[in-house]
Amino acid sequence: MIAVLPLPGSPGYDGDNDRVLKQALSDLRHYKEAGVDVIVLENSHDLPYIKPPLPPEAVRLMQRIAKAVRQRFSGPIGLQMLEAANETALEIAYKADLDFVRVEGFVFAHVGGAGLIEGCAGTLLRLRKKLGCEHIKVFGDVKKKHCSHALTGDLDILDEVKQAEFFLVDGVIVTQWRNCAG
């Protein structure tokens, strides 16, 4: 995972787009030297996260980074845009010729740090069809860490996986609960 430095609009952004790009490419170089097979880009440092729409300048810079990574890495590349900016991620992946997106809230609702995250399967897969990029895989998080799942407390993880499969996900991602012990 390349955890991209804070993007424009984020409180931690330092105003230097070139530095953000250079750091992502430096991370890529180290991963390539280590022999990784897959790269995932994520706006991990855009704390605190906001729900879409994301700042247009941030989207443009992430697209620039994704294209630069694509030019330098021939293996599979994915993208996640937090917090649940799943359509934005798909649009960037399409424009940068990436291979997959990781999405939160593919099915069912949960509560993230920025509030309620609703299921996006219907709108996301319709957008993928409209863009003609069905080759871009959608990997959906289920019972995602860092979130409250009280809204779906009556469902276990298998229920969520089955629903994601029913809603045509290409793959599921399961993470464990965050360890808050200090």
Protein backbone atom coordinates (compact mmCIF):
# COMPACT_ATOMS: atom_id res chain seq x y z
CA MET A 1 0.00 0.00 0.00
CA ILE A 2 1.23 3.43 -0.92
CA ALA A 3 -0.28 5.68 1.74
CA VAL A 4 -0.26 8.93 -0.21
CA LEU A 5 0.70 12.05 1.75
CA PRO A 6 -2.10 14.53 2.53
CA LEU A 7 -3.79 15.80 -0.62
CA PRO A 8 -5.02 19.33 -1.36
CA GLY A 9 -7.88 20.37 0.91
CA SER A 10 -6.74 18.11 3.74
CA PRO A 11 -5.67 19.83 6.99
CA GLY A 12 -2.25 18.15 6.73
CA TYR A 13 -1.58 19.19 3.13
CA ASP A 14 1.60 21.26 2.89
CA GLY A 15 0.91 22.91 -0.48
CA ASP A 16 3.55 20.96 -2.41
CA ASN A 17 1.98 18.68 -5.03
CA ASP A 18 5.38 17.68 -6.38
CA ARG A 19 6.50 16.48 -2.94
CA VAL A 20 3.36 14.34 -2.62
CA LEU A 21 4.02 12.79 -6.04
CA LYS A 22 7.73 12.25 -5.35
CA GLN A 23 7.00 10.50 -2.05
CA ALA A 24 4.50 8.14 -3.70
CA LEU A 25 7.03 7.31 -6.42
CA SER A 26 9.75 6.79 -3.82
CA ASP A 27 7.48 4.35 -2.00
CA LEU A 28 6.79 2.60 -5.31
CA ARG A 29 10.51 2.27 -6.01
CA HIS A 30 11.08 0.63 -2.61
CA TYR A 31 8.18 -1.77 -3.14
CA LYS A 32 9.45 -2.72 -6.59
CA GLU A 33 12.91 -3.38 -5.15
CA ALA A 34 11.27 -5.63 -2.54
CA GLY A 35 9.52 -7.57 -5.31
CA VAL A 36 5.87 -6.79 -4.61
CA ASP A 37 3.30 -8.12 -7.04
CA VAL A 38 0.48 -5.62 -6.44
CA ILE A 39 0.27 -1.93 -5.52
CA VAL A 40 -2.65 -0.16 -3.83
CA LEU A 41 -2.84 3.62 -3.62
CA GLU A 42 -4.84 5.19 -0.80
CA ASN A 43 -5.38 8.72 0.51
CA SER A 44 -4.65 7.42 4.00
CA HIS A 45 -3.24 10.69 5.31
CA ASP A 46 -6.23 12.89 4.43
CA LEU A 47 -7.20 13.04 8.10
CA PRO A 48 -9.82 13.58 9.24
CA TYR A 49 -11.67 11.89 6.40
CA ILE A 50 -14.67 13.41 4.68
CA LYS A 51 -17.40 11.81 2.66
CA PRO A 52 -17.60 12.69 -1.04
CA PRO A 53 -17.39 14.90 -2.87
CA LEU A 54 -13.66 15.19 -2.31
CA PRO A 55 -11.87 18.43 -3.21
CA PRO A 56 -11.33 18.56 -6.99
CA GLU A 57 -7.65 19.45 -6.50
CA ALA A 58 -7.18 16.30 -4.42
CA VAL A 59 -8.83 14.16 -7.08
CA ARG A 60 -6.65 15.68 -9.81
CA LEU A 61 -3.46 15.06 -7.83
CA MET A 62 -4.41 11.46 -7.02
CA GLN A 63 -5.14 10.89 -10.70
CA ARG A 64 -1.71 12.33 -11.58
CA ILE A 65 -0.09 10.01 -9.03
CA ALA A 66 -2.05 6.99 -10.29
CA LYS A 67 -0.98 7.67 -13.88
CA ALA A 68 2.66 8.06 -12.83
CA VAL A 69 2.54 4.79 -10.89
CA ARG A 70 0.91 3.04 -13.87
CA GLN A 71 3.77 4.20 -16.12
CA ARG A 72 6.32 2.69 -13.73
CA PHE A 73 4.62 -0.52 -12.56
CA SER A 74 3.34 -3.26 -14.86
CA GLY A 75 1.61 -5.36 -12.20
CA PRO A 76 -1.91 -4.90 -10.86
CA ILE A 77 -2.62 -1.50 -9.31
CA GLY A 78 -5.62 -0.64 -7.18
CA LEU A 79 -7.01 2.46 -5.53
CA GLN A 80 -9.06 3.31 -2.49
CA MET A 81 -10.34 6.81 -1.78
CA LEU A 82 -11.44 7.34 1.80
CA GLU A 83 -14.05 7.91 3.19
CA ALA A 84 -16.20 5.85 0.86
CA ALA A 85 -15.43 8.03 -2.18
CA ASN A 86 -15.96 4.89 -4.21
CA GLU A 87 -17.28 6.47 -7.41
CA THR A 88 -14.37 8.91 -7.37
CA ALA A 89 -11.95 6.01 -6.99
CA LEU A 90 -13.52 4.20 -9.94
CA GLU A 91 -13.31 7.31 -12.12
CA ILE A 92 -9.63 7.80 -11.25
CA ALA A 93 -8.92 4.10 -11.85
CA TYR A 94 -10.60 4.35 -15.24
CA LYS A 95 -8.64 7.44 -16.30
CA ALA A 96 -5.33 6.05 -15.02
CA ASP A 97 -5.79 2.52 -16.44
CA LEU A 98 -5.74 0.83 -13.03
CA ASP A 99 -6.91 -2.71 -12.35
CA PHE A 100 -9.15 -2.56 -9.29
CA VAL A 101 -10.75 -0.42 -6.64
CA ARG A 102 -11.18 -1.21 -2.98
CA VAL A 103 -14.48 0.12 -1.72
CA GLU A 104 -16.03 0.50 1.68
CA GLY A 105 -19.76 0.24 2.07
CA PHE A 106 -20.33 -1.94 -1.00
CA VAL A 107 -23.32 -3.51 0.73
CA PHE A 108 -25.27 -2.49 3.81
CA ALA A 109 -24.60 0.58 5.90
CA HIS A 110 -22.12 1.28 8.65
CA VAL A 111 -20.87 4.30 10.53
CA GLY A 112 -17.39 5.60 9.80
CA GLY A 113 -15.49 8.51 11.25
CA ALA A 114 -17.25 10.96 8.92
CA GLY A 115 -20.73 9.57 9.55
CA LEU A 116 -23.14 7.19 7.87
CA ILE A 117 -21.77 5.20 4.94
CA GLU A 118 -24.48 3.67 2.78
CA GLY A 119 -24.20 0.73 0.41
CA CYS A 120 -22.93 1.75 -3.03
CA ALA A 121 -23.12 -1.45 -5.09
CA GLY A 122 -25.94 -0.32 -7.36
CA THR A 123 -24.56 3.11 -8.22
CA LEU A 124 -20.94 1.94 -8.45
CA LEU A 125 -21.58 -0.96 -10.80
CA ARG A 126 -23.86 1.18 -12.95
CA LEU A 127 -21.07 3.75 -13.23
CA ARG A 128 -18.59 1.01 -14.13
CA LYS A 129 -20.94 -0.14 -16.90
CA LYS A 130 -21.51 3.43 -18.13
CA LEU A 131 -17.76 4.08 -18.31
CA GLY A 132 -17.24 0.78 -20.13
CA CYS A 133 -14.64 -0.36 -17.64
CA GLU A 134 -16.02 -3.67 -16.42
CA HIS A 135 -12.43 -4.96 -16.49
CA ILE A 136 -11.73 -2.86 -13.37
CA LYS A 137 -12.42 -5.20 -10.47
CA VAL A 138 -14.36 -4.09 -7.40
CA PHE A 139 -13.16 -5.48 -4.08
CA GLY A 140 -15.53 -4.66 -1.26
CA ASP A 141 -14.73 -4.42 2.43
CA VAL A 142 -17.12 -6.27 4.73
CA LYS A 143 -17.37 -5.47 8.43
CA LYS A 144 -14.56 -2.97 7.87
CA LYS A 145 -12.21 -2.11 10.72
CA HIS A 146 -12.37 1.43 12.13
CA CYS A 147 -16.17 1.45 11.78
CA SER A 148 -19.29 0.76 13.79
CA HIS A 149 -21.50 -2.01 12.50
CA ALA A 150 -24.31 -1.62 15.02
CA LEU A 151 -26.74 -0.97 12.15
CA THR A 152 -26.11 -4.50 10.89
CA GLY A 153 -25.57 -6.15 14.24
CA ASP A 154 -28.09 -8.84 13.27
CA LEU A 155 -25.87 -9.91 10.37
CA ASP A 156 -22.69 -11.91 10.72
CA ILE A 157 -19.78 -11.63 8.34
CA LEU A 158 -21.02 -14.53 6.22
CA ASP A 159 -24.34 -12.71 5.65
CA GLU A 160 -22.43 -9.68 4.41
CA VAL A 161 -20.16 -11.73 2.15
CA LYS A 162 -23.20 -13.48 0.63
CA GLN A 163 -24.92 -10.13 0.03
CA ALA A 164 -21.77 -8.72 -1.60
CA GLU A 165 -21.60 -11.77 -3.87
CA PHE A 166 -25.31 -11.39 -4.69
CA PHE A 167 -24.63 -7.74 -5.60
CA LEU A 168 -21.86 -8.85 -8.00
CA VAL A 169 -18.69 -7.91 -6.12
CA ASP A 170 -15.51 -9.25 -7.70
CA GLY A 171 -13.91 -10.01 -4.34
CA VAL A 172 -14.26 -9.26 -0.65
CA ILE A 173 -11.78 -7.86 1.82
CA VAL A 174 -11.96 -8.85 5.47
CA THR A 175 -9.95 -6.96 8.07
CA GLN A 176 -9.75 -7.58 11.77
CA TRP A 177 -10.88 -5.21 14.47
CA ARG A 178 -8.48 -2.41 15.19
CA ASN A 179 -6.34 -2.94 18.25
CA CYS A 180 -6.64 0.22 20.31
CA ALA A 181 -4.38 -0.99 23.11
CA GLY A 182 -1.49 1.38 23.69
